[in-house]
């Protein structure tokens, strides 16, 4: 039962995180004219901050007193998935010449799955 609730909350807050990432990305890339790779890193940063807070409080209901360790693991995992995110964006857009809009959405789905597995098994494990 807890896993079902946790997974549902992860999907809900993962969706919110997805939108934070997409909105920040498109704001910087399309409105401000920032290079797509730099826009992607900025979007990653804001979405990771949002994700840590929501995952700690509502998804995994962490009560760990060692917040620095937990946060370091969380951000470390997100750095790993952020590198994958950026590499896939480069691969899809510059190598495979897929449009940046569809590439961003596909890559985010992959990253959300990776992040859940990392958070569940390493950061917020019981």
N, C-alpha and C. Protein backbone atom coordinates (compact mmCIF):
# COMPACT_ATOMS: atom_id res chain seq x y z
N UNK A 1 0.82 -1.20 0.00
CA UNK A 1 0.00 0.00 0.00
C UNK A 1 0.86 1.26 0.00
N UNK A 2 1.94 1.27 0.82
CA UNK A 2 2.82 2.43 0.87
C UNK A 2 3.49 2.67 -0.48
N UNK A 3 3.90 1.58 -1.15
CA UNK A 3 4.54 1.72 -2.45
C UNK A 3 3.59 2.34 -3.46
N UNK A 4 2.32 1.93 -3.43
CA UNK A 4 1.33 2.51 -4.35
C UNK A 4 1.19 4.01 -4.11
N UNK A 5 1.05 4.41 -2.85
CA UNK A 5 0.91 5.82 -2.50
C UNK A 5 2.17 6.58 -2.91
N UNK A 6 3.32 5.99 -2.60
CA UNK A 6 4.60 6.61 -2.92
C UNK A 6 4.76 6.79 -4.43
N UNK A 7 4.43 5.75 -5.17
CA UNK A 7 4.56 5.82 -6.63
C UNK A 7 3.61 6.85 -7.23
N UNK A 8 2.40 6.90 -6.70
CA UNK A 8 1.43 7.90 -7.19
C UNK A 8 1.94 9.31 -6.90
N UNK A 9 2.43 9.53 -5.67
CA UNK A 9 2.95 10.85 -5.32
C UNK A 9 4.19 11.19 -6.15
N UNK A 10 5.02 10.18 -6.42
CA UNK A 10 6.20 10.43 -7.25
C UNK A 10 5.78 10.84 -8.66
N UNK A 11 4.77 10.19 -9.19
CA UNK A 11 4.28 10.55 -10.52
C UNK A 11 3.69 11.96 -10.51
N UNK A 12 2.92 12.28 -9.47
CA UNK A 12 2.32 13.62 -9.38
C UNK A 12 3.42 14.68 -9.29
N UNK A 13 4.34 14.52 -8.33
CA UNK A 13 5.39 15.52 -8.17
C UNK A 13 6.43 15.44 -9.29
N UNK A 14 6.59 14.26 -9.87
CA UNK A 14 7.44 14.13 -11.05
C UNK A 14 6.86 14.91 -12.22
N UNK A 15 5.54 14.90 -12.32
CA UNK A 15 4.87 15.68 -13.36
C UNK A 15 5.08 17.17 -13.12
N UNK A 16 4.94 17.60 -11.86
CA UNK A 16 5.20 19.00 -11.54
C UNK A 16 6.66 19.37 -11.83
N UNK A 17 7.57 18.47 -11.48
CA UNK A 17 9.00 18.69 -11.74
C UNK A 17 9.25 18.78 -13.23
N UNK A 18 8.60 17.91 -13.99
CA UNK A 18 8.68 17.92 -15.46
C UNK A 18 8.27 19.30 -15.98
N UNK A 19 7.16 19.82 -15.47
CA UNK A 19 6.69 21.12 -15.94
C UNK A 19 7.61 22.27 -15.51
N UNK A 20 8.17 22.17 -14.31
CA UNK A 20 9.16 23.17 -13.89
C UNK A 20 10.32 23.15 -14.88
N UNK A 21 10.81 21.96 -15.19
CA UNK A 21 11.93 21.82 -16.12
C UNK A 21 11.59 22.36 -17.50
N UNK A 22 10.46 21.97 -18.03
CA UNK A 22 10.05 22.38 -19.38
C UNK A 22 9.83 23.90 -19.45
N UNK A 23 9.12 24.44 -18.47
CA UNK A 23 8.83 25.88 -18.47
C UNK A 23 10.10 26.70 -18.38
N UNK A 24 11.00 26.34 -17.45
CA UNK A 24 12.26 27.07 -17.32
C UNK A 24 13.09 26.94 -18.59
N UNK A 25 13.14 25.72 -19.14
CA UNK A 25 13.90 25.50 -20.39
C UNK A 25 13.38 26.40 -21.51
N UNK A 26 12.08 26.35 -21.76
CA UNK A 26 11.52 27.14 -22.86
C UNK A 26 11.61 28.64 -22.59
N UNK A 27 11.50 29.05 -21.35
CA UNK A 27 11.67 30.46 -21.02
C UNK A 27 13.08 30.93 -21.40
N UNK A 28 14.09 30.18 -20.96
CA UNK A 28 15.46 30.59 -21.26
C UNK A 28 15.81 30.41 -22.73
N UNK A 29 15.38 29.30 -23.33
CA UNK A 29 15.77 29.01 -24.71
C UNK A 29 14.98 29.85 -25.72
N UNK A 30 13.66 29.88 -25.58
CA UNK A 30 12.82 30.55 -26.58
C UNK A 30 12.59 32.03 -26.30
N UNK A 31 12.39 32.39 -25.05
CA UNK A 31 12.08 33.79 -24.73
C UNK A 31 13.36 34.61 -24.60
N UNK A 32 14.34 34.07 -23.85
CA UNK A 32 15.56 34.83 -23.60
C UNK A 32 16.66 34.55 -24.62
N UNK A 33 16.48 33.53 -25.45
CA UNK A 33 17.44 33.23 -26.51
C UNK A 33 18.75 32.62 -26.04
N UNK A 34 18.73 31.97 -24.88
CA UNK A 34 19.92 31.33 -24.34
C UNK A 34 20.13 30.00 -25.07
N UNK A 35 21.38 29.63 -25.33
CA UNK A 35 21.72 28.38 -26.00
C UNK A 35 20.97 27.22 -25.34
N UNK A 36 20.53 26.25 -26.15
CA UNK A 36 19.70 25.17 -25.63
C UNK A 36 20.41 24.33 -24.56
N UNK A 37 21.72 24.14 -24.66
CA UNK A 37 22.43 23.35 -23.65
C UNK A 37 22.51 24.11 -22.32
N UNK A 38 22.76 25.41 -22.39
CA UNK A 38 22.79 26.22 -21.17
C UNK A 38 21.40 26.31 -20.57
N UNK A 39 20.39 26.49 -21.41
CA UNK A 39 19.00 26.51 -20.94
C UNK A 39 18.65 25.20 -20.26
N UNK A 40 19.15 24.10 -20.80
CA UNK A 40 18.88 22.79 -20.23
C UNK A 40 19.50 22.65 -18.83
N UNK A 41 20.70 23.16 -18.65
CA UNK A 41 21.37 23.09 -17.34
C UNK A 41 20.62 23.96 -16.33
N UNK A 42 20.20 25.14 -16.73
CA UNK A 42 19.45 26.02 -15.83
C UNK A 42 18.13 25.36 -15.44
N UNK A 43 17.43 24.79 -16.41
CA UNK A 43 16.17 24.09 -16.14
C UNK A 43 16.39 22.92 -15.19
N UNK A 44 17.50 22.21 -15.39
CA UNK A 44 17.84 21.09 -14.53
C UNK A 44 18.00 21.56 -13.08
N UNK A 45 18.73 22.63 -12.89
CA UNK A 45 18.99 23.15 -11.55
C UNK A 45 17.69 23.47 -10.80
N UNK A 46 16.80 24.21 -11.44
CA UNK A 46 15.54 24.58 -10.80
C UNK A 46 14.65 23.37 -10.54
N UNK A 47 14.63 22.43 -11.46
CA UNK A 47 13.79 21.26 -11.26
C UNK A 47 14.34 20.35 -10.16
N UNK A 48 15.66 20.28 -10.00
CA UNK A 48 16.25 19.48 -8.93
C UNK A 48 15.93 20.08 -7.56
N UNK A 49 16.00 21.37 -7.44
CA UNK A 49 15.63 22.02 -6.17
C UNK A 49 14.18 21.71 -5.81
N UNK A 50 13.31 21.85 -6.77
CA UNK A 50 11.89 21.56 -6.57
C UNK A 50 11.70 20.08 -6.21
N UNK A 51 12.37 19.19 -6.94
CA UNK A 51 12.21 17.75 -6.72
C UNK A 51 12.71 17.33 -5.33
N UNK A 52 13.82 17.87 -4.89
CA UNK A 52 14.34 17.47 -3.57
C UNK A 52 13.33 17.80 -2.49
N UNK A 53 12.83 19.00 -2.51
CA UNK A 53 11.88 19.43 -1.47
C UNK A 53 10.63 18.56 -1.48
N UNK A 54 10.05 18.36 -2.65
CA UNK A 54 8.81 17.58 -2.73
C UNK A 54 9.04 16.10 -2.43
N UNK A 55 10.17 15.56 -2.88
CA UNK A 55 10.47 14.14 -2.62
C UNK A 55 10.72 13.91 -1.13
N UNK A 56 11.46 14.78 -0.51
CA UNK A 56 11.77 14.62 0.91
C UNK A 56 10.52 14.72 1.77
N UNK A 57 9.70 15.72 1.51
CA UNK A 57 8.54 15.98 2.37
C UNK A 57 7.36 15.06 2.07
N UNK A 58 6.96 14.96 0.80
CA UNK A 58 5.70 14.29 0.49
C UNK A 58 5.84 12.90 -0.12
N UNK A 59 6.82 12.68 -0.97
CA UNK A 59 6.89 11.39 -1.66
C UNK A 59 7.45 10.31 -0.74
N UNK A 60 8.67 10.52 -0.26
CA UNK A 60 9.33 9.49 0.55
C UNK A 60 9.21 9.76 2.05
N UNK A 61 8.62 10.90 2.42
CA UNK A 61 8.40 11.29 3.81
C UNK A 61 9.64 11.03 4.67
N UNK A 62 10.74 11.55 4.23
CA UNK A 62 12.01 11.32 4.92
C UNK A 62 12.04 12.01 6.27
N UNK A 63 12.51 11.28 7.24
CA UNK A 63 12.70 11.81 8.59
C UNK A 63 14.18 11.77 8.96
N UNK A 64 15.03 11.59 7.97
CA UNK A 64 16.46 11.48 8.21
C UNK A 64 16.99 12.74 8.87
N UNK A 65 17.72 12.58 9.97
CA UNK A 65 18.31 13.75 10.62
C UNK A 65 19.55 14.24 9.86
N UNK A 66 20.09 13.39 9.01
CA UNK A 66 21.30 13.74 8.25
C UNK A 66 20.91 14.32 6.89
N UNK A 67 20.37 15.52 6.93
CA UNK A 67 19.87 16.16 5.71
C UNK A 67 21.00 16.43 4.73
N UNK A 68 22.17 16.78 5.21
CA UNK A 68 23.29 17.06 4.30
C UNK A 68 23.69 15.81 3.50
N UNK A 69 23.74 14.67 4.18
CA UNK A 69 24.06 13.42 3.47
C UNK A 69 22.98 13.09 2.46
N UNK A 70 21.73 13.19 2.90
CA UNK A 70 20.60 12.89 2.03
C UNK A 70 20.59 13.83 0.82
N UNK A 71 20.78 15.11 1.08
CA UNK A 71 20.78 16.09 0.00
C UNK A 71 21.96 15.86 -0.95
N UNK A 72 23.11 15.51 -0.41
CA UNK A 72 24.28 15.22 -1.25
C UNK A 72 24.02 14.02 -2.16
N UNK A 73 23.43 12.97 -1.61
CA UNK A 73 23.09 11.79 -2.42
C UNK A 73 22.06 12.16 -3.50
N UNK A 74 21.06 12.94 -3.09
CA UNK A 74 20.01 13.34 -4.04
C UNK A 74 20.61 14.16 -5.18
N UNK A 75 21.38 15.17 -4.82
CA UNK A 75 21.96 16.02 -5.85
C UNK A 75 23.00 15.27 -6.68
N UNK A 76 23.73 14.36 -6.05
CA UNK A 76 24.68 13.53 -6.79
C UNK A 76 23.98 12.68 -7.83
N UNK A 77 22.87 12.07 -7.45
CA UNK A 77 22.08 11.30 -8.41
C UNK A 77 21.53 12.16 -9.52
N UNK A 78 21.10 13.36 -9.15
CA UNK A 78 20.56 14.28 -10.15
C UNK A 78 21.66 14.82 -11.06
N UNK A 79 22.87 14.97 -10.54
CA UNK A 79 23.99 15.37 -11.42
C UNK A 79 24.23 14.28 -12.45
N UNK A 80 24.22 13.03 -12.00
CA UNK A 80 24.38 11.90 -12.91
C UNK A 80 23.29 11.90 -13.99
N UNK A 81 22.04 12.04 -13.57
CA UNK A 81 20.96 12.05 -14.56
C UNK A 81 20.97 13.34 -15.38
N UNK A 82 21.49 14.43 -14.79
CA UNK A 82 21.63 15.68 -15.54
C UNK A 82 22.64 15.57 -16.67
N UNK A 83 23.72 14.83 -16.41
CA UNK A 83 24.72 14.58 -17.46
C UNK A 83 24.08 13.73 -18.56
N UNK A 84 23.33 12.71 -18.16
CA UNK A 84 22.63 11.89 -19.15
C UNK A 84 21.63 12.74 -19.93
N UNK A 85 20.90 13.59 -19.23
CA UNK A 85 19.93 14.49 -19.84
C UNK A 85 20.61 15.34 -20.93
N UNK A 86 21.69 16.00 -20.56
CA UNK A 86 22.38 16.89 -21.50
C UNK A 86 22.99 16.11 -22.66
N UNK A 87 23.58 14.95 -22.38
CA UNK A 87 24.17 14.13 -23.44
C UNK A 87 23.11 13.65 -24.42
N UNK A 88 21.96 13.23 -23.90
CA UNK A 88 20.88 12.79 -24.79
C UNK A 88 20.32 13.95 -25.60
N UNK A 89 20.22 15.13 -24.99
CA UNK A 89 19.76 16.30 -25.74
C UNK A 89 20.71 16.57 -26.90
N UNK A 90 22.00 16.53 -26.64
CA UNK A 90 22.99 16.74 -27.70
C UNK A 90 22.85 15.65 -28.78
N UNK A 91 22.76 14.41 -28.35
CA UNK A 91 22.63 13.29 -29.29
C UNK A 91 21.39 13.43 -30.16
N UNK A 92 20.26 13.69 -29.54
CA UNK A 92 19.01 13.78 -30.29
C UNK A 92 18.98 14.99 -31.23
N UNK A 93 19.45 16.14 -30.74
CA UNK A 93 19.33 17.37 -31.52
C UNK A 93 20.45 17.52 -32.54
N UNK A 94 21.70 17.41 -32.10
CA UNK A 94 22.83 17.68 -33.00
C UNK A 94 23.24 16.48 -33.85
N UNK A 95 23.09 15.27 -33.32
CA UNK A 95 23.54 14.10 -34.07
C UNK A 95 22.39 13.50 -34.88
N UNK A 96 21.25 13.30 -34.22
CA UNK A 96 20.12 12.65 -34.88
C UNK A 96 19.17 13.66 -35.55
N UNK A 97 19.41 14.94 -35.34
CA UNK A 97 18.62 16.06 -35.88
C UNK A 97 17.12 15.93 -35.61
N UNK A 98 16.81 15.53 -34.39
CA UNK A 98 15.42 15.52 -33.94
C UNK A 98 15.17 16.90 -33.33
N UNK A 99 14.01 17.47 -33.52
CA UNK A 99 13.70 18.79 -32.99
C UNK A 99 13.88 18.88 -31.49
N UNK A 100 14.23 20.07 -31.01
CA UNK A 100 14.50 20.22 -29.59
C UNK A 100 13.26 20.05 -28.73
N UNK A 101 12.08 20.40 -29.23
CA UNK A 101 10.86 20.26 -28.44
C UNK A 101 10.58 18.79 -28.12
N UNK A 102 10.54 17.95 -29.13
CA UNK A 102 10.25 16.53 -28.93
C UNK A 102 11.40 15.85 -28.19
N UNK A 103 12.62 16.27 -28.48
CA UNK A 103 13.78 15.70 -27.78
C UNK A 103 13.70 15.97 -26.29
N UNK A 104 13.35 17.19 -25.91
CA UNK A 104 13.26 17.56 -24.50
C UNK A 104 12.23 16.69 -23.78
N UNK A 105 11.10 16.45 -24.39
CA UNK A 105 10.05 15.66 -23.76
C UNK A 105 10.49 14.20 -23.62
N UNK A 106 11.05 13.61 -24.65
CA UNK A 106 11.51 12.22 -24.60
C UNK A 106 12.58 12.05 -23.53
N UNK A 107 13.54 12.95 -23.52
CA UNK A 107 14.64 12.87 -22.56
C UNK A 107 14.12 13.00 -21.13
N UNK A 108 13.16 13.87 -20.90
CA UNK A 108 12.63 14.05 -19.55
C UNK A 108 11.94 12.79 -19.03
N UNK A 109 11.26 12.07 -19.89
CA UNK A 109 10.63 10.81 -19.48
C UNK A 109 11.71 9.82 -19.02
N UNK A 110 12.78 9.70 -19.78
CA UNK A 110 13.89 8.81 -19.42
C UNK A 110 14.49 9.23 -18.08
N UNK A 111 14.72 10.52 -17.91
CA UNK A 111 15.35 11.04 -16.69
C UNK A 111 14.45 10.83 -15.46
N UNK A 112 13.17 11.01 -15.61
CA UNK A 112 12.24 10.81 -14.48
C UNK A 112 12.31 9.37 -13.98
N UNK A 113 12.36 8.42 -14.90
CA UNK A 113 12.46 7.01 -14.51
C UNK A 113 13.78 6.74 -13.78
N UNK A 114 14.89 7.23 -14.34
CA UNK A 114 16.19 7.06 -13.69
C UNK A 114 16.20 7.68 -12.29
N UNK A 115 15.62 8.85 -12.15
CA UNK A 115 15.61 9.54 -10.86
C UNK A 115 14.80 8.79 -9.81
N UNK A 116 13.68 8.20 -10.21
CA UNK A 116 12.88 7.44 -9.24
C UNK A 116 13.68 6.26 -8.72
N UNK A 117 14.29 5.52 -9.62
CA UNK A 117 15.06 4.34 -9.23
C UNK A 117 16.19 4.74 -8.28
N UNK A 118 16.92 5.78 -8.61
CA UNK A 118 18.02 6.24 -7.77
C UNK A 118 17.51 6.71 -6.40
N UNK A 119 16.43 7.49 -6.39
CA UNK A 119 15.89 7.99 -5.12
C UNK A 119 15.39 6.85 -4.25
N UNK A 120 14.68 5.92 -4.84
CA UNK A 120 14.09 4.81 -4.08
C UNK A 120 15.16 3.87 -3.52
N UNK A 121 16.17 3.56 -4.32
CA UNK A 121 17.15 2.56 -3.92
C UNK A 121 18.33 3.12 -3.12
N UNK A 122 18.63 4.42 -3.28
CA UNK A 122 19.82 4.96 -2.64
C UNK A 122 19.52 6.11 -1.68
N UNK A 123 18.82 7.12 -2.12
CA UNK A 123 18.66 8.33 -1.32
C UNK A 123 17.67 8.16 -0.18
N UNK A 124 16.46 7.73 -0.49
CA UNK A 124 15.40 7.66 0.52
C UNK A 124 15.05 6.23 0.89
N UNK A 125 16.02 5.33 0.83
CA UNK A 125 15.73 3.93 1.17
C UNK A 125 15.33 3.84 2.64
N UNK A 126 14.46 2.89 2.92
CA UNK A 126 13.98 2.70 4.30
C UNK A 126 15.05 2.11 5.18
